[in-house]
């Protein structure tokens, strides 16, 4: 009985040391950056309890092993067999019932956490999200414009209605904690209530292709006044984009072209559009063509026919109308 008491005390001591040791090392903070949403609170609470149980289970395994190696080791000169033990019914019942109770408790905590995360606000704002290789675009249907950055008002629930244009993506802002897959042919919902102003990033958390690591977009949480000002500015920009080149820029944003083609010469997955129009383009087969209307149109509709040297033939064909292609070319012409 003495051994059980000693082991029990040591297990409690080891549990406390393990838990506070992990906390002192900052492992929880490394796995969970600052919480920036209301949904992060129950998730972090559940994680807190899980770390406590993990610390206890670690101690429950390590302490008896080390104690047994020390207290029951074969001493010098001992040649007798150890005491033969058939079993301990009470102990076997305990290690069956206790883990079962722990599982039931965590099932309840998990269900409660999920319920809090998915709690519906009937006045939630709706934003449409489109994910495609390798960019995110955000449509504000209430105001009629599309952007490549997600602006959100603080302390107001937002419903993101998300679609994928190609493969499975996963919408993930670490500071919001919640993650949601974006699946082709389906509309998935992501509810979030930002609680902390600041700048964050949405990342794709589902391997989706060669440039998966670069599929990011800025997420900015601001106060209501700043948000209203930003909305006003975006509406003005949308009005100004009614010119052919403005429509072309909108098409490039909406279809994710800017995820692979830069407008300022920055190296990306596809050739830059900066100073592209009218230039001589060297192809993978060694030939050279002029980047005119015909070449750009062919590159949109049949991108693998003439592949630019130094770039993989990974661009999918886009079913754009002649008018959309003309507007896109008008936009590319402005990139000088």
C-alpha atoms as a PDB file:
ATOM      1  CA  UNK A   1       0.000   0.000   0.000  1.00  0.00           C
ATOM      2  CA  UNK A   2       2.927   2.310   0.757  1.00  0.00           C
ATOM      3  CA  UNK A   3       4.160   1.976  -2.815  1.00  0.00           C
ATOM      4  CA  UNK A   4       0.741   3.024  -4.189  1.00  0.00           C
ATOM      5  CA  UNK A   5       0.717   6.142  -2.014  1.00  0.00           C
ATOM      6  CA  UNK A   6       4.241   7.106  -3.042  1.00  0.00           C
ATOM      7  CA  UNK A   7       3.513   6.525  -6.722  1.00  0.00           C
ATOM      8  CA  UNK A   8       0.259   8.505  -6.431  1.00  0.00           C
ATOM      9  CA  UNK A   9       2.045  11.500  -4.914  1.00  0.00           C
ATOM     10  CA  UNK A  10       4.794  11.309  -7.542  1.00  0.00           C
ATOM     11  CA  UNK A  11       2.219  11.123 -10.372  1.00  0.00           C
ATOM     12  CA  UNK A  12       0.482  14.272  -9.099  1.00  0.00           C
ATOM     13  CA  UNK A  13       3.827  16.052  -8.757  1.00  0.00           C
ATOM     14  CA  UNK A  14       4.956  14.975 -12.234  1.00  0.00           C
ATOM     15  CA  UNK A  15       1.606  16.058 -13.738  1.00  0.00           C
ATOM     16  CA  UNK A  16       1.956  19.559 -12.299  1.00  0.00           C
ATOM     17  CA  UNK A  17       5.596  19.852 -13.355  1.00  0.00           C
ATOM     18  CA  UNK A  18       4.828  18.614 -16.883  1.00  0.00           C
ATOM     19  CA  UNK A  19       1.876  20.956 -17.344  1.00  0.00           C
ATOM     20  CA  UNK A  20       3.646  24.065 -16.097  1.00  0.00           C
ATOM     21  CA  UNK A  21       6.845  23.017 -17.864  1.00  0.00           C
ATOM     22  CA  UNK A  22       5.029  22.900 -21.207  1.00  0.00           C
ATOM     23  CA  UNK A  23       3.482  26.265 -20.418  1.00  0.00           C
ATOM     24  CA  UNK A  24       6.844  27.771 -19.458  1.00  0.00           C
ATOM     25  CA  UNK A  25       8.395  26.527 -22.704  1.00  0.00           C
ATOM     26  CA  UNK A  26       5.645  28.328 -24.612  1.00  0.00           C
ATOM     27  CA  UNK A  27       4.594  25.243 -26.570  1.00  0.00           C
ATOM     28  CA  UNK A  28       0.919  26.175 -26.347  1.00  0.00           C
ATOM     29  CA  UNK A  29       1.650  29.670 -27.671  1.00  0.00           C
ATOM     30  CA  UNK A  30       3.701  28.249 -30.529  1.00  0.00           C
ATOM     31  CA  UNK A  31       0.848  25.965 -31.577  1.00  0.00           C
ATOM     32  CA  UNK A  32      -1.813  28.590 -30.891  1.00  0.00           C
ATOM     33  CA  UNK A  33      -0.929  32.167 -31.844  1.00  0.00           C
ATOM     34  CA  UNK A  34      -2.953  35.069 -30.451  1.00  0.00           C
ATOM     35  CA  UNK A  35      -6.693  34.381 -30.339  1.00  0.00           C
ATOM     36  CA  UNK A  36      -8.454  36.845 -32.635  1.00  0.00           C
ATOM     37  CA  UNK A  37     -12.008  35.513 -32.801  1.00  0.00           C
ATOM     38  CA  UNK A  38     -14.859  34.635 -30.478  1.00  0.00           C
ATOM     39  CA  UNK A  39     -14.717  31.060 -31.798  1.00  0.00           C
ATOM     40  CA  UNK A  40     -11.112  30.740 -30.626  1.00  0.00           C
ATOM     41  CA  UNK A  41     -12.144  30.927 -26.942  1.00  0.00           C
ATOM     42  CA  UNK A  42     -13.896  27.516 -26.590  1.00  0.00           C
ATOM     43  CA  UNK A  43     -11.294  25.898 -28.853  1.00  0.00           C
ATOM     44  CA  UNK A  44      -8.438  27.145 -26.680  1.00  0.00           C
ATOM     45  CA  UNK A  45     -10.287  26.093 -23.507  1.00  0.00           C
ATOM     46  CA  UNK A  46     -10.662  22.559 -24.887  1.00  0.00           C
ATOM     47  CA  UNK A  47      -6.970  22.523 -25.792  1.00  0.00           C
ATOM     48  CA  UNK A  48      -6.129  23.666 -22.238  1.00  0.00           C
ATOM     49  CA  UNK A  49      -7.992  20.704 -20.709  1.00  0.00           C
ATOM     50  CA  UNK A  50      -6.457  18.300 -23.206  1.00  0.00           C
ATOM     51  CA  UNK A  51      -2.933  19.406 -22.244  1.00  0.00           C
ATOM     52  CA  UNK A  52      -3.790  18.822 -18.579  1.00  0.00           C
ATOM     53  CA  UNK A  53      -4.988  15.268 -19.279  1.00  0.00           C
ATOM     54  CA  UNK A  54      -1.999  14.593 -21.524  1.00  0.00           C
ATOM     55  CA  UNK A  55       0.311  15.707 -18.705  1.00  0.00           C
ATOM     56  CA  UNK A  56      -1.474  13.366 -16.283  1.00  0.00           C
ATOM     57  CA  UNK A  57      -1.338  10.384 -18.662  1.00  0.00           C
ATOM     58  CA  UNK A  58       2.350  11.050 -19.315  1.00  0.00           C
ATOM     59  CA  UNK A  59       3.016  11.041 -15.562  1.00  0.00           C
ATOM     60  CA  UNK A  60       0.826   7.959 -15.068  1.00  0.00           C
ATOM     61  CA  UNK A  61       3.022   6.001 -17.476  1.00  0.00           C
ATOM     62  CA  UNK A  62       6.489   7.372 -16.745  1.00  0.00           C
ATOM     63  CA  UNK A  63       6.353   7.527 -12.926  1.00  0.00           C
ATOM     64  CA  UNK A  64       5.385   3.850 -12.266  1.00  0.00           C
ATOM     65  CA  UNK A  65       7.995   2.666 -14.775  1.00  0.00           C
ATOM     66  CA  UNK A  66      10.820   4.673 -13.205  1.00  0.00           C
ATOM     67  CA  UNK A  67       9.639   3.913  -9.642  1.00  0.00           C
ATOM     68  CA  UNK A  68       9.496   0.169 -10.413  1.00  0.00           C
ATOM     69  CA  UNK A  69      12.990   0.226 -11.907  1.00  0.00           C
ATOM     70  CA  UNK A  70      14.286   1.811  -8.707  1.00  0.00           C
ATOM     71  CA  UNK A  71      12.173   0.230  -5.951  1.00  0.00           C
ATOM     72  CA  UNK A  72      11.840  -3.301  -7.351  1.00  0.00           C
ATOM     73  CA  UNK A  73      15.161  -3.788  -9.066  1.00  0.00           C
ATOM     74  CA  UNK A  74      17.021  -7.009  -8.427  1.00  0.00           C
ATOM     75  CA  UNK A  75      19.488  -6.341  -5.655  1.00  0.00           C
ATOM     76  CA  UNK A  76      22.976  -7.748  -5.532  1.00  0.00           C
ATOM     77  CA  UNK A  77      22.956 -11.361  -4.386  1.00  0.00           C
ATOM     78  CA  UNK A  78      19.232 -11.907  -4.972  1.00  0.00           C
ATOM     79  CA  UNK A  79      18.657 -15.073  -6.989  1.00  0.00           C
ATOM     80  CA  UNK A  80      15.043 -15.902  -6.071  1.00  0.00           C
ATOM     81  CA  UNK A  81      12.171 -15.524  -8.494  1.00  0.00           C
ATOM     82  CA  UNK A  82       9.944 -12.524  -8.009  1.00  0.00           C
ATOM     83  CA  UNK A  83       6.505 -12.749  -6.410  1.00  0.00           C
ATOM     84  CA  UNK A  84       4.003 -14.376  -8.776  1.00  0.00           C
ATOM     85  CA  UNK A  85       0.888 -12.212  -9.232  1.00  0.00           C
ATOM     86  CA  UNK A  86      -2.177 -13.499 -11.077  1.00  0.00           C
ATOM     87  CA  UNK A  87      -3.873 -10.095 -11.482  1.00  0.00           C
ATOM     88  CA  UNK A  88      -5.763  -7.318  -9.732  1.00  0.00           C
ATOM     89  CA  UNK A  89      -9.454  -7.123 -10.512  1.00  0.00           C
ATOM     90  CA  UNK A  90      -9.972  -3.713  -8.915  1.00  0.00           C
ATOM     91  CA  UNK A  91      -7.082  -2.234 -10.865  1.00  0.00           C
ATOM     92  CA  UNK A  92      -8.358  -3.665 -14.148  1.00  0.00           C
ATOM     93  CA  UNK A  93     -11.832  -2.240 -13.486  1.00  0.00           C
ATOM     94  CA  UNK A  94     -10.291   1.130 -12.671  1.00  0.00           C
ATOM     95  CA  UNK A  95      -8.210   1.383 -15.841  1.00  0.00           C
ATOM     96  CA  UNK A  96     -11.268   0.443 -17.892  1.00  0.00           C
ATOM     97  CA  UNK A  97     -13.827   2.734 -16.239  1.00  0.00           C
ATOM     98  CA  UNK A  98     -11.647   5.828 -15.723  1.00  0.00           C
ATOM     99  CA  UNK A  99     -10.543   6.156 -19.380  1.00  0.00           C
ATOM    100  CA  UNK A 100     -14.175   5.594 -20.435  1.00  0.00           C
ATOM    101  CA  UNK A 101     -15.308   8.457 -18.202  1.00  0.00           C
ATOM    102  CA  UNK A 102     -12.542  10.694 -19.577  1.00  0.00           C
ATOM    103  CA  UNK A 103     -13.642   9.936 -23.147  1.00  0.00           C
ATOM    104  CA  UNK A 104     -17.285  10.731 -22.287  1.00  0.00           C
ATOM    105  CA  UNK A 105     -16.303  14.010 -20.603  1.00  0.00           C
ATOM    106  CA  UNK A 106     -14.195  15.088 -23.574  1.00  0.00           C
ATOM    107  CA  UNK A 107     -16.947  14.065 -25.966  1.00  0.00           C
ATOM    108  CA  UNK A 108     -19.227  16.490 -24.128  1.00  0.00           C
ATOM    109  CA  UNK A 109     -16.575  19.239 -24.073  1.00  0.00           C
ATOM    110  CA  UNK A 110     -15.924  18.722 -27.775  1.00  0.00           C
ATOM    111  CA  UNK A 111     -19.630  18.897 -28.613  1.00  0.00           C
ATOM    112  CA  UNK A 112     -20.004  22.045 -26.514  1.00  0.00           C
ATOM    113  CA  UNK A 113     -17.000  23.637 -28.236  1.00  0.00           C
ATOM    114  CA  UNK A 114     -18.380  22.746 -31.677  1.00  0.00           C
ATOM    115  CA  UNK A 115     -21.761  24.199 -30.734  1.00  0.00           C
ATOM    116  CA  UNK A 116     -20.156  27.480 -29.671  1.00  0.00           C
ATOM    117  CA  UNK A 117     -18.065  27.643 -32.854  1.00  0.00           C
ATOM    118  CA  UNK A 118     -21.107  27.067 -35.076  1.00  0.00           C
ATOM    119  CA  UNK A 119     -23.490  29.335 -33.137  1.00  0.00           C
ATOM    120  CA  UNK A 120     -25.546  31.286 -35.697  1.00  0.00           C
ATOM    121  CA  UNK A 121     -26.016  35.045 -35.635  1.00  0.00           C
ATOM    122  CA  UNK A 122     -29.078  35.876 -37.793  1.00  0.00           C
ATOM    123  CA  UNK A 123     -27.560  39.297 -38.564  1.00  0.00           C
ATOM    124  CA  UNK A 124     -24.278  37.892 -39.830  1.00  0.00           C
ATOM    125  CA  UNK A 125     -22.715  39.566 -42.855  1.00  0.00           C
ATOM    126  CA  UNK A 126     -22.234  37.391 -45.976  1.00  0.00           C
ATOM    127  CA  UNK A 127     -19.050  37.365 -48.070  1.00  0.00           C
ATOM    128  CA  UNK A 128     -18.483  35.024 -51.016  1.00  0.00           C
ATOM    129  CA  UNK A 129     -15.050  33.407 -51.224  1.00  0.00           C
ATOM    130  CA  UNK A 130     -13.511  31.732 -54.248  1.00  0.00           C
ATOM    131  CA  UNK A 131     -10.400  29.597 -53.966  1.00  0.00           C
ATOM    132  CA  UNK A 132      -8.425  28.414 -56.954  1.00  0.00           C
ATOM    133  CA  UNK A 133      -4.855  27.572 -57.798  1.00  0.00           C
ATOM    134  CA  UNK A 134      -3.275  29.606 -56.268  1.00  0.00           C
ATOM    135  CA  UNK A 135      -5.228  32.598 -54.985  1.00  0.00           C
ATOM    136  CA  UNK A 136      -8.222  33.740 -52.951  1.00  0.00           C
ATOM    137  CA  UNK A 137     -10.832  36.287 -54.052  1.00  0.00           C
ATOM    138  CA  UNK A 138     -13.553  37.839 -51.901  1.00  0.00           C
ATOM    139  CA  UNK A 139     -16.875  39.151 -53.178  1.00  0.00           C
ATOM    140  CA  UNK A 140     -18.989  41.541 -51.112  1.00  0.00           C
ATOM    141  CA  UNK A 141     -22.428  40.908 -52.694  1.00  0.00           C
ATOM    142  CA  UNK A 142     -24.135  43.600 -50.632  1.00  0.00           C
ATOM    143  CA  UNK A 143     -21.903  46.245 -52.237  1.00  0.00           C
ATOM    144  CA  UNK A 144     -21.098  44.670 -55.616  1.00  0.00           C
ATOM    145  CA  UNK A 145     -17.301  44.483 -55.656  1.00  0.00           C
ATOM    146  CA  UNK A 146     -14.541  41.866 -55.512  1.00  0.00           C
ATOM    147  CA  UNK A 147     -11.143  42.152 -53.808  1.00  0.00           C
ATOM    148  CA  UNK A 148      -8.072  40.056 -53.131  1.00  0.00           C
ATOM    149  CA  UNK A 149      -7.962  41.037 -49.454  1.00  0.00           C
ATOM    150  CA  UNK A 150     -10.507  40.187 -46.801  1.00  0.00           C
ATOM    151  CA  UNK A 151     -11.617  43.159 -44.697  1.00  0.00           C
ATOM    152  CA  UNK A 152     -13.749  42.340 -41.659  1.00  0.00           C
ATOM    153  CA  UNK A 153     -15.391  44.508 -38.990  1.00  0.00           C
ATOM    154  CA  UNK A 154     -14.486  43.621 -35.412  1.00  0.00           C
ATOM    155  CA  UNK A 155     -17.090  42.002 -33.134  1.00  0.00           C
ATOM    156  CA  UNK A 156     -19.511  41.184 -35.962  1.00  0.00           C
ATOM    157  CA  UNK A 157     -20.157  37.653 -37.177  1.00  0.00           C
ATOM    158  CA  UNK A 158     -19.362  36.988 -40.822  1.00  0.00           C
ATOM    159  CA  UNK A 159     -20.472  34.025 -42.933  1.00  0.00           C
ATOM    160  CA  UNK A 160     -18.029  33.122 -45.682  1.00  0.00           C
ATOM    161  CA  UNK A 161     -19.750  31.142 -48.458  1.00  0.00           C
ATOM    162  CA  UNK A 162     -16.837  29.401 -50.098  1.00  0.00           C
ATOM    163  CA  UNK A 163     -16.380  27.681 -53.463  1.00  0.00           C
ATOM    164  CA  UNK A 164     -13.438  26.134 -55.293  1.00  0.00           C
ATOM    165  CA  UNK A 165     -12.865  26.510 -59.015  1.00  0.00           C
ATOM    166  CA  UNK A 166     -10.570  23.507 -59.363  1.00  0.00           C
ATOM    167  CA  UNK A 167      -9.313  21.272 -56.522  1.00  0.00           C
ATOM    168  CA  UNK A 168      -9.899  21.006 -52.785  1.00  0.00           C
ATOM    169  CA  UNK A 169      -8.499  23.928 -50.800  1.00  0.00           C
ATOM    170  CA  UNK A 170      -8.788  24.685 -47.087  1.00  0.00           C
ATOM    171  CA  UNK A 171      -9.470  28.140 -45.635  1.00  0.00           C
ATOM    172  CA  UNK A 172      -7.389  28.703 -42.505  1.00  0.00           C
ATOM    173  CA  UNK A 173      -6.537  31.792 -40.480  1.00  0.00           C
ATOM    174  CA  UNK A 174      -4.494  30.462 -37.504  1.00  0.00           C
ATOM    175  CA  UNK A 175      -5.553  33.346 -35.241  1.00  0.00           C
ATOM    176  CA  UNK A 176      -9.230  32.473 -35.872  1.00  0.00           C
ATOM    177  CA  UNK A 177      -8.543  28.771 -35.104  1.00  0.00           C
ATOM    178  CA  UNK A 178     -11.417  27.486 -37.298  1.00  0.00           C
ATOM    179  CA  UNK A 179     -10.529  25.701 -40.538  1.00  0.00           C
ATOM    180  CA  UNK A 180     -12.898  24.766 -43.373  1.00  0.00           C
ATOM    181  CA  UNK A 181     -12.371  22.834 -46.616  1.00  0.00           C
ATOM    182  CA  UNK A 182     -13.319  24.504 -49.903  1.00  0.00           C
ATOM    183  CA  UNK A 183     -14.635  21.800 -52.226  1.00  0.00           C
ATOM    184  CA  UNK A 184     -15.333  21.917 -55.997  1.00  0.00           C
ATOM    185  CA  UNK A 185     -19.055  21.752 -56.794  1.00  0.00           C
ATOM    186  CA  UNK A 186     -20.140  22.656 -53.261  1.00  0.00           C
ATOM    187  CA  UNK A 187     -20.664  25.772 -51.173  1.00  0.00           C
ATOM    188  CA  UNK A 188     -19.192  25.408 -47.691  1.00  0.00           C
ATOM    189  CA  UNK A 189     -19.805  27.881 -44.887  1.00  0.00           C
ATOM    190  CA  UNK A 190     -17.307  29.361 -42.462  1.00  0.00           C
ATOM    191  CA  UNK A 191     -18.639  31.424 -39.538  1.00  0.00           C
ATOM    192  CA  UNK A 192     -16.307  33.724 -37.686  1.00  0.00           C
ATOM    193  CA  UNK A 193     -16.631  36.655 -35.297  1.00  0.00           C
ATOM    194  CA  UNK A 194     -13.340  38.616 -35.292  1.00  0.00           C
ATOM    195  CA  UNK A 195     -12.577  39.930 -31.808  1.00  0.00           C
ATOM    196  CA  UNK A 196      -9.177  41.574 -32.192  1.00  0.00           C
ATOM    197  CA  UNK A 197      -8.198  44.283 -34.660  1.00  0.00           C
ATOM    198  CA  UNK A 198      -5.087  43.554 -36.674  1.00  0.00           C
ATOM    199  CA  UNK A 199      -3.601  42.136 -39.864  1.00  0.00           C
ATOM    200  CA  UNK A 200      -3.577  38.379 -40.433  1.00  0.00           C
ATOM    201  CA  UNK A 201      -3.239  35.945 -43.336  1.00  0.00           C
ATOM    202  CA  UNK A 202      -5.528  33.322 -44.774  1.00  0.00           C
ATOM    203  CA  UNK A 203      -3.599  30.246 -45.831  1.00  0.00           C
ATOM    204  CA  UNK A 204      -4.562  27.172 -47.802  1.00  0.00           C
ATOM    205  CA  UNK A 205      -4.203  24.193 -45.454  1.00  0.00           C
ATOM    206  CA  UNK A 206      -4.832  21.519 -48.112  1.00  0.00           C
ATOM    207  CA  UNK A 207      -2.031  20.556 -50.521  1.00  0.00           C
ATOM    208  CA  UNK A 208      -3.422  21.841 -53.826  1.00  0.00           C
ATOM    209  CA  UNK A 209      -0.542  21.973 -56.294  1.00  0.00           C
ATOM    210  CA  UNK A 210       2.948  23.262 -56.996  1.00  0.00           C
ATOM    211  CA  UNK A 211       2.401  26.758 -55.522  1.00  0.00           C
ATOM    212  CA  UNK A 212       0.287  25.648 -52.562  1.00  0.00           C
ATOM    213  CA  UNK A 213       2.701  27.274 -50.091  1.00  0.00           C
ATOM    214  CA  UNK A 214       2.131  30.690 -51.670  1.00  0.00           C
ATOM    215  CA  UNK A 215      -1.668  30.589 -51.653  1.00  0.00           C
ATOM    216  CA  UNK A 216      -2.143  33.374 -49.133  1.00  0.00           C
ATOM    217  CA  UNK A 217      -4.235  36.529 -48.865  1.00  0.00           C
ATOM    218  CA  UNK A 218      -4.309  39.369 -46.317  1.00  0.00           C
ATOM    219  CA  UNK A 219      -7.070  39.445 -43.696  1.00  0.00           C
ATOM    220  CA  UNK A 220      -7.593  42.807 -42.004  1.00  0.00           C
ATOM    221  CA  UNK A 221      -9.849  43.266 -38.966  1.00  0.00           C
ATOM    222  CA  UNK A 222     -10.788  46.890 -38.294  1.00  0.00           C
ATOM    223  CA  UNK A 223     -13.297  48.930 -36.305  1.00  0.00           C
ATOM    224  CA  UNK A 224     -16.672  49.776 -37.804  1.00  0.00           C
ATOM    225  CA  UNK A 225     -15.721  53.316 -38.874  1.00  0.00           C
ATOM    226  CA  UNK A 226     -12.584  52.179 -40.686  1.00  0.00           C
ATOM    227  CA  UNK A 227     -14.555  49.348 -42.274  1.00  0.00           C
ATOM    228  CA  UNK A 228     -17.236  51.734 -43.568  1.00  0.00           C
ATOM    229  CA  UNK A 229     -14.533  53.988 -45.047  1.00  0.00           C
ATOM    230  CA  UNK A 230     -12.905  51.027 -46.766  1.00  0.00           C
ATOM    231  CA  UNK A 231     -16.257  49.897 -48.188  1.00  0.00           C
ATOM    232  CA  UNK A 232     -16.840  53.407 -49.587  1.00  0.00           C
ATOM    233  CA  UNK A 233     -13.395  53.399 -51.215  1.00  0.00           C
ATOM    234  CA  UNK A 234     -13.960  49.975 -52.759  1.00  0.00           C
ATOM    235  CA  UNK A 235     -17.332  51.009 -54.183  1.00  0.00           C
ATOM    236  CA  UNK A 236     -15.623  54.016 -55.788  1.00  0.00           C
ATOM    237  CA  UNK A 237     -12.901  51.796 -57.244  1.00  0.00           C
ATOM    238  CA  UNK A 238     -15.577  49.426 -58.590  1.00  0.00           C
ATOM    239  CA  UNK A 239     -17.294  52.351 -60.311  1.00  0.00           C
ATOM    240  CA  UNK A 240     -14.022  53.437 -61.878  1.00  0.00           C
ATOM    241  CA  UNK A 241     -13.376  49.902 -63.133  1.00  0.00           C
ATOM    242  CA  UNK A 242     -16.180  50.070 -65.697  1.00  0.00           C
ATOM    243  CA  UNK A 243     -13.651  50.976 -68.421  1.00  0.00           C
ATOM    244  CA  UNK A 244     -12.345  48.041 -70.566  1.00  0.00           C
ATOM    245  CA  UNK A 245      -9.021  47.977 -68.694  1.00  0.00           C
ATOM    246  CA  UNK A 246     -10.862  48.254 -65.382  1.00  0.00           C
ATOM    247  CA  UNK A 247     -13.075  45.339 -66.345  1.00  0.00           C
ATOM    248  CA  UNK A 248      -9.973  43.422 -67.381  1.00  0.00           C
ATOM    249  CA  UNK A 249      -8.400  43.955 -63.971  1.00  0.00           C
ATOM    250  CA  UNK A 250     -11.625  42.776 -62.356  1.00  0.00           C
ATOM    251  CA  UNK A 251     -11.628  39.649 -64.558  1.00  0.00           C
ATOM    252  CA  UNK A 252      -7.998  38.962 -63.609  1.00  0.00           C
ATOM    253  CA  UNK A 253      -8.912  39.235 -59.933  1.00  0.00           C
ATOM    254  CA  UNK A 254     -12.116  37.203 -60.147  1.00  0.00           C
ATOM    255  CA  UNK A 255     -10.541  34.347 -62.097  1.00  0.00           C
ATOM    256  CA  UNK A 256      -7.420  34.152 -59.946  1.00  0.00           C
ATOM    257  CA  UNK A 257      -5.001  35.172 -62.727  1.00  0.00           C
ATOM    258  CA  UNK A 258      -3.099  37.362 -60.265  1.00  0.00           C
ATOM    259  CA  UNK A 259      -2.271  34.269 -58.243  1.00  0.00           C
ATOM    260  CA  UNK A 260       0.211  33.197 -60.953  1.00  0.00           C
ATOM    261  CA  UNK A 261       0.908  36.313 -63.050  1.00  0.00           C
ATOM    262  CA  UNK A 262       2.284  39.449 -61.409  1.00  0.00           C
ATOM    263  CA  UNK A 263       1.498  42.957 -62.615  1.00  0.00           C
ATOM    264  CA  UNK A 264       4.790  44.481 -61.430  1.00  0.00           C
ATOM    265  CA  UNK A 265       7.477  42.095 -62.670  1.00  0.00           C
ATOM    266  CA  UNK A 266       7.610  39.940 -59.536  1.00  0.00           C
ATOM    267  CA  UNK A 267       8.569  36.324 -60.295  1.00  0.00           C
ATOM    268  CA  UNK A 268       5.643  33.953 -59.826  1.00  0.00           C
ATOM    269  CA  UNK A 269       4.415  30.596 -61.132  1.00  0.00           C
ATOM    270  CA  UNK A 270       3.515  32.097 -64.535  1.00  0.00           C
ATOM    271  CA  UNK A 271       5.104  34.815 -66.693  1.00  0.00           C
ATOM    272  CA  UNK A 272       4.666  38.378 -65.452  1.00  0.00           C
ATOM    273  CA  UNK A 273       2.280  40.678 -67.312  1.00  0.00           C
ATOM    274  CA  UNK A 274       4.474  43.703 -66.684  1.00  0.00           C
ATOM    275  CA  UNK A 275       5.811  45.002 -70.045  1.00  0.00           C
ATOM    276  CA  UNK A 276       4.429  41.847 -71.666  1.00  0.00           C
ATOM    277  CA  UNK A 277       2.285  43.297 -74.452  1.00  0.00           C
ATOM    278  CA  UNK A 278       4.257  43.842 -77.657  1.00  0.00           C
ATOM    279  CA  UNK A 279       7.400  42.184 -76.318  1.00  0.00           C
ATOM    280  CA  UNK A 280       9.210  39.197 -77.828  1.00  0.00           C
ATOM    281  CA  UNK A 281       8.510  36.030 -75.854  1.00  0.00           C
ATOM    282  CA  UNK A 282      10.800  33.008 -76.054  1.00  0.00           C
ATOM    283  CA  UNK A 283       8.973  29.689 -75.986  1.00  0.00           C
ATOM    284  CA  UNK A 284       9.983  26.333 -74.574  1.00  0.00           C
ATOM    285  CA  UNK A 285      10.539  24.913 -78.073  1.00  0.00           C
ATOM    286  CA  UNK A 286      13.164  27.596 -78.777  1.00  0.00           C
ATOM    287  CA  UNK A 287      11.020  29.762 -81.048  1.00  0.00           C
ATOM    288  CA  UNK A 288      10.069  33.387 -80.374  1.00  0.00           C
ATOM    289  CA  UNK A 289       6.668  35.048 -80.726  1.00  0.00           C
ATOM    290  CA  UNK A 290       5.333  38.545 -80.241  1.00  0.00           C
ATOM    291  CA  UNK A 291       2.951  39.000 -77.311  1.00  0.00           C
ATOM    292  CA  UNK A 292       0.071  40.463 -79.318  1.00  0.00           C
ATOM    293  CA  UNK A 293      -3.709  40.011 -79.030  1.00  0.00           C
ATOM    294  CA  UNK A 294      -3.663  36.666 -80.854  1.00  0.00           C
ATOM    295  CA  UNK A 295      -0.902  35.193 -78.675  1.00  0.00           C
ATOM    296  CA  UNK A 296      -2.540  36.287 -75.419  1.00  0.00           C
ATOM    297  CA  UNK A 297      -5.941  34.985 -76.514  1.00  0.00           C
ATOM    298  CA  UNK A 298      -4.445  31.633 -77.494  1.00  0.00           C
ATOM    299  CA  UNK A 299      -2.564  31.469 -74.180  1.00  0.00           C
ATOM    300  CA  UNK A 300      -5.866  31.919 -72.308  1.00  0.00           C
ATOM    301  CA  UNK A 301      -7.930  29.426 -74.308  1.00  0.00           C
ATOM    302  CA  UNK A 302      -5.180  26.868 -75.063  1.00  0.00           C
ATOM    303  CA  UNK A 303      -2.337  27.582 -72.632  1.00  0.00           C
ATOM    304  CA  UNK A 304      -0.308  24.432 -73.399  1.00  0.00           C
ATOM    305  CA  UNK A 305       0.022  25.093 -77.154  1.00  0.00           C
ATOM    306  CA  UNK A 306       2.736  27.741 -76.751  1.00  0.00           C
ATOM    307  CA  UNK A 307       4.511  27.442 -73.415  1.00  0.00           C
ATOM    308  CA  UNK A 308       6.840  30.245 -72.328  1.00  0.00           C
ATOM    309  CA  UNK A 309      10.406  29.143 -71.688  1.00  0.00           C
ATOM    310  CA  UNK A 310      11.211  28.595 -68.027  1.00  0.00           C
ATOM    311  CA  UNK A 311       7.624  27.982 -66.907  1.00  0.00           C
ATOM    312  CA  UNK A 312       5.817  24.643 -66.397  1.00  0.00           C
ATOM    313  CA  UNK A 313       2.722  23.928 -68.553  1.00  0.00           C
ATOM    314  CA  UNK A 314       0.376  23.905 -65.565  1.00  0.00           C
ATOM    315  CA  UNK A 315      -2.094  26.640 -66.500  1.00  0.00           C
ATOM    316  CA  UNK A 316      -5.634  25.310 -67.112  1.00  0.00           C
ATOM    317  CA  UNK A 317      -7.682  26.648 -70.058  1.00  0.00           C
ATOM    318  CA  UNK A 318     -10.151  29.437 -69.228  1.00  0.00           C
ATOM    319  CA  UNK A 319     -13.556  29.686 -70.921  1.00  0.00           C
ATOM    320  CA  UNK A 320     -13.714  33.479 -71.277  1.00  0.00           C
ATOM    321  CA  UNK A 321     -15.850  35.315 -73.814  1.00  0.00           C
ATOM    322  CA  UNK A 322     -14.284  37.413 -76.570  1.00  0.00           C
ATOM    323  CA  UNK A 323     -15.321  40.560 -74.714  1.00  0.00           C
ATOM    324  CA  UNK A 324     -13.738  39.362 -71.476  1.00  0.00           C
ATOM    325  CA  UNK A 325     -10.520  38.478 -73.308  1.00  0.00           C
ATOM    326  CA  UNK A 326     -10.473  41.901 -75.013  1.00  0.00           C
ATOM    327  CA  UNK A 327     -10.897  43.614 -71.641  1.00  0.00           C
ATOM    328  CA  UNK A 328      -8.156  41.472 -70.118  1.00  0.00           C
ATOM    329  CA  UNK A 329      -5.799  42.373 -72.975  1.00  0.00           C
ATOM    330  CA  UNK A 330      -6.699  46.069 -72.499  1.00  0.00           C
ATOM    331  CA  UNK A 331      -5.643  45.745 -68.846  1.00  0.00           C
ATOM    332  CA  UNK A 332      -2.376  43.977 -69.743  1.00  0.00           C
ATOM    333  CA  UNK A 333      -1.575  46.814 -72.172  1.00  0.00           C
ATOM    334  CA  UNK A 334      -1.612  49.281 -69.271  1.00  0.00           C
ATOM    335  CA  UNK A 335       1.040  47.365 -67.333  1.00  0.00           C
ATOM    336  CA  UNK A 336       4.118  49.301 -68.432  1.00  0.00           C
END
